[in-house]
Amino acid sequence: MRSRELSSTERPRRTRLLALVPFAVAGVLACSLATPADAAAERINACGWNKSSGGEHAYYEHCATNTNVWIQVTRWPRSDYHRCVGPGRTVLDSDATGAWYDSNYRGGLCSHPGDTGP
């Protein structure tokens, strides 16, 4: 069986199309693989204290889904305080300079998000 020879106009067109295949495959792989990894990295970085940026107040992201915990919030020039936070994002005071989970304050767990203490 003999193969058909390509004409002079078919050869360059086929070569150009074959040259695009690796780029198309790379593009599809980049789109399908980059999104989950980027989302996971962003989620990991967001847990805990997040300083203010872009006009947004600082916030504390509590990443556990089944607990309420006490965090200590530092402020300047006002004094520090404790706050009960539930799962998800809790927006903090505009003068907040830091926040972290405080397992030593009342055992670390709390019942009512929004409660505050000294």
Protein backbone atom coordinates (compact mmCIF):
# COMPACT_ATOMS: atom_id res chain seq x y z
CA MET A 1 0.00 0.00 0.00
CA ARG A 2 1.43 3.33 -1.03
CA SER A 3 0.87 6.48 0.98
CA ARG A 4 -0.49 9.51 -0.76
CA GLU A 5 2.01 12.31 -1.21
CA LEU A 6 0.99 15.72 0.12
CA SER A 7 0.71 18.60 -2.27
CA SER A 8 2.88 21.66 -1.84
CA THR A 9 -0.01 23.59 -0.20
CA GLU A 10 -0.99 20.77 2.18
CA ARG A 11 2.50 20.23 3.59
CA PRO A 12 2.97 23.69 5.24
CA ARG A 13 -0.59 23.69 6.63
CA ARG A 14 -0.19 20.26 8.24
CA THR A 15 3.20 21.28 9.69
CA ARG A 16 1.69 24.42 11.25
CA LEU A 17 -1.20 22.47 12.75
CA LEU A 18 1.09 19.83 14.21
CA ALA A 19 3.29 22.55 15.69
CA LEU A 20 0.28 23.91 17.63
CA VAL A 21 -0.58 20.59 19.31
CA PRO A 22 2.06 20.77 22.09
CA PHE A 23 0.99 24.33 22.96
CA ALA A 24 -2.68 23.36 23.12
CA VAL A 25 -1.93 20.38 25.37
CA ALA A 26 0.28 22.51 27.64
CA GLY A 27 -2.44 25.15 27.92
CA VAL A 28 -5.11 22.64 28.89
CA LEU A 29 -2.84 21.03 31.49
CA ALA A 30 -1.84 24.39 32.96
CA CYS A 31 -5.46 25.45 33.39
CA SER A 32 -6.61 22.18 34.89
CA LEU A 33 -3.70 21.71 37.31
CA ALA A 34 -2.96 25.26 38.49
CA THR A 35 -6.37 26.19 39.87
CA PRO A 36 -6.74 23.59 42.67
CA ALA A 37 -3.14 24.02 43.84
CA ASP A 38 -3.43 27.81 43.93
CA ALA A 39 -6.74 27.68 45.78
CA ALA A 40 -5.31 25.30 48.39
CA ALA A 41 -2.23 27.46 48.94
CA GLU A 42 -4.38 30.57 49.32
CA ARG A 43 -6.63 28.81 51.83
CA ILE A 44 -3.65 27.67 53.91
CA ASN A 45 -2.17 31.16 53.95
CA ALA A 46 -5.49 32.70 55.02
CA CYS A 47 -5.86 30.76 58.30
CA GLY A 48 -5.20 32.88 61.39
CA TRP A 49 -4.20 36.56 61.38
CA ASN A 50 -4.51 38.47 58.11
CA LYS A 51 -3.37 42.08 58.11
CA SER A 52 -5.38 44.80 56.45
CA SER A 53 -4.76 45.49 52.78
CA GLY A 54 -6.46 47.36 49.99
CA GLY A 55 -8.73 49.32 52.33
CA GLU A 56 -9.99 46.13 53.98
CA HIS A 57 -9.86 45.74 57.78
CA ALA A 58 -7.58 43.12 59.30
CA TYR A 59 -9.33 39.83 59.99
CA TYR A 60 -8.86 36.48 61.69
CA GLU A 61 -9.71 33.36 59.65
CA HIS A 62 -10.69 30.40 61.85
CA CYS A 63 -10.26 27.39 59.56
CA ALA A 64 -11.73 24.68 61.78
CA THR A 65 -15.36 23.95 60.97
CA ASN A 66 -16.68 22.63 64.26
CA THR A 67 -15.29 24.81 67.07
CA ASN A 68 -15.43 28.31 68.49
CA VAL A 69 -12.13 29.52 69.98
CA TRP A 70 -10.71 32.42 71.96
CA ILE A 71 -8.19 34.59 70.16
CA GLN A 72 -6.10 37.38 71.63
CA VAL A 73 -6.23 40.58 69.62
CA THR A 74 -3.44 43.13 69.95
CA ARG A 75 -4.21 46.78 69.22
CA TRP A 76 -2.28 50.00 69.22
CA PRO A 77 -2.68 52.40 71.00
CA ARG A 78 -5.60 50.72 72.82
CA SER A 79 -5.17 47.68 75.06
CA ASP A 80 -5.28 44.05 73.91
CA TYR A 81 -8.37 41.88 74.44
CA HIS A 82 -9.75 38.38 73.87
CA ARG A 83 -12.55 37.58 71.45
CA CYS A 84 -14.57 34.45 70.76
CA VAL A 85 -14.57 33.56 67.05
CA GLY A 86 -16.43 30.90 65.14
CA PRO A 87 -15.45 29.17 61.89
CA GLY A 88 -14.72 31.50 58.99
CA ARG A 89 -13.68 35.15 58.81
CA THR A 90 -13.97 37.58 61.72
CA VAL A 91 -13.26 41.22 60.87
CA LEU A 92 -11.22 42.93 63.58
CA ASP A 93 -10.83 46.51 64.82
CA SER A 94 -9.21 49.04 62.53
CA ASP A 95 -6.32 49.44 64.99
CA ALA A 96 -5.66 45.68 65.34
CA THR A 97 -1.98 44.81 64.93
CA GLY A 98 -2.16 41.04 65.46
CA ALA A 99 -4.32 38.10 66.57
CA TRP A 100 -3.73 34.47 67.49
CA TYR A 101 -5.47 31.49 69.06
CA ASP A 102 -5.04 31.58 72.85
CA SER A 103 -5.40 28.09 74.33
CA ASN A 104 -4.53 29.42 77.81
CA TYR A 105 -7.53 31.78 78.01
CA ARG A 106 -10.52 29.94 79.53
CA GLY A 107 -9.33 26.66 78.02
CA GLY A 108 -9.21 28.01 74.46
CA LEU A 109 -12.76 27.06 73.50
CA CYS A 110 -15.81 29.33 73.77
CA SER A 111 -19.56 29.14 73.17
CA HIS A 112 -20.70 32.46 71.69
CA PRO A 113 -18.79 34.10 68.81
CA GLY A 114 -18.58 37.83 69.42
CA ASP A 115 -18.06 37.55 73.18
CA THR A 116 -15.05 39.49 74.43
CA GLY A 117 -12.89 39.39 77.53
CA PRO A 118 -9.90 41.16 79.01
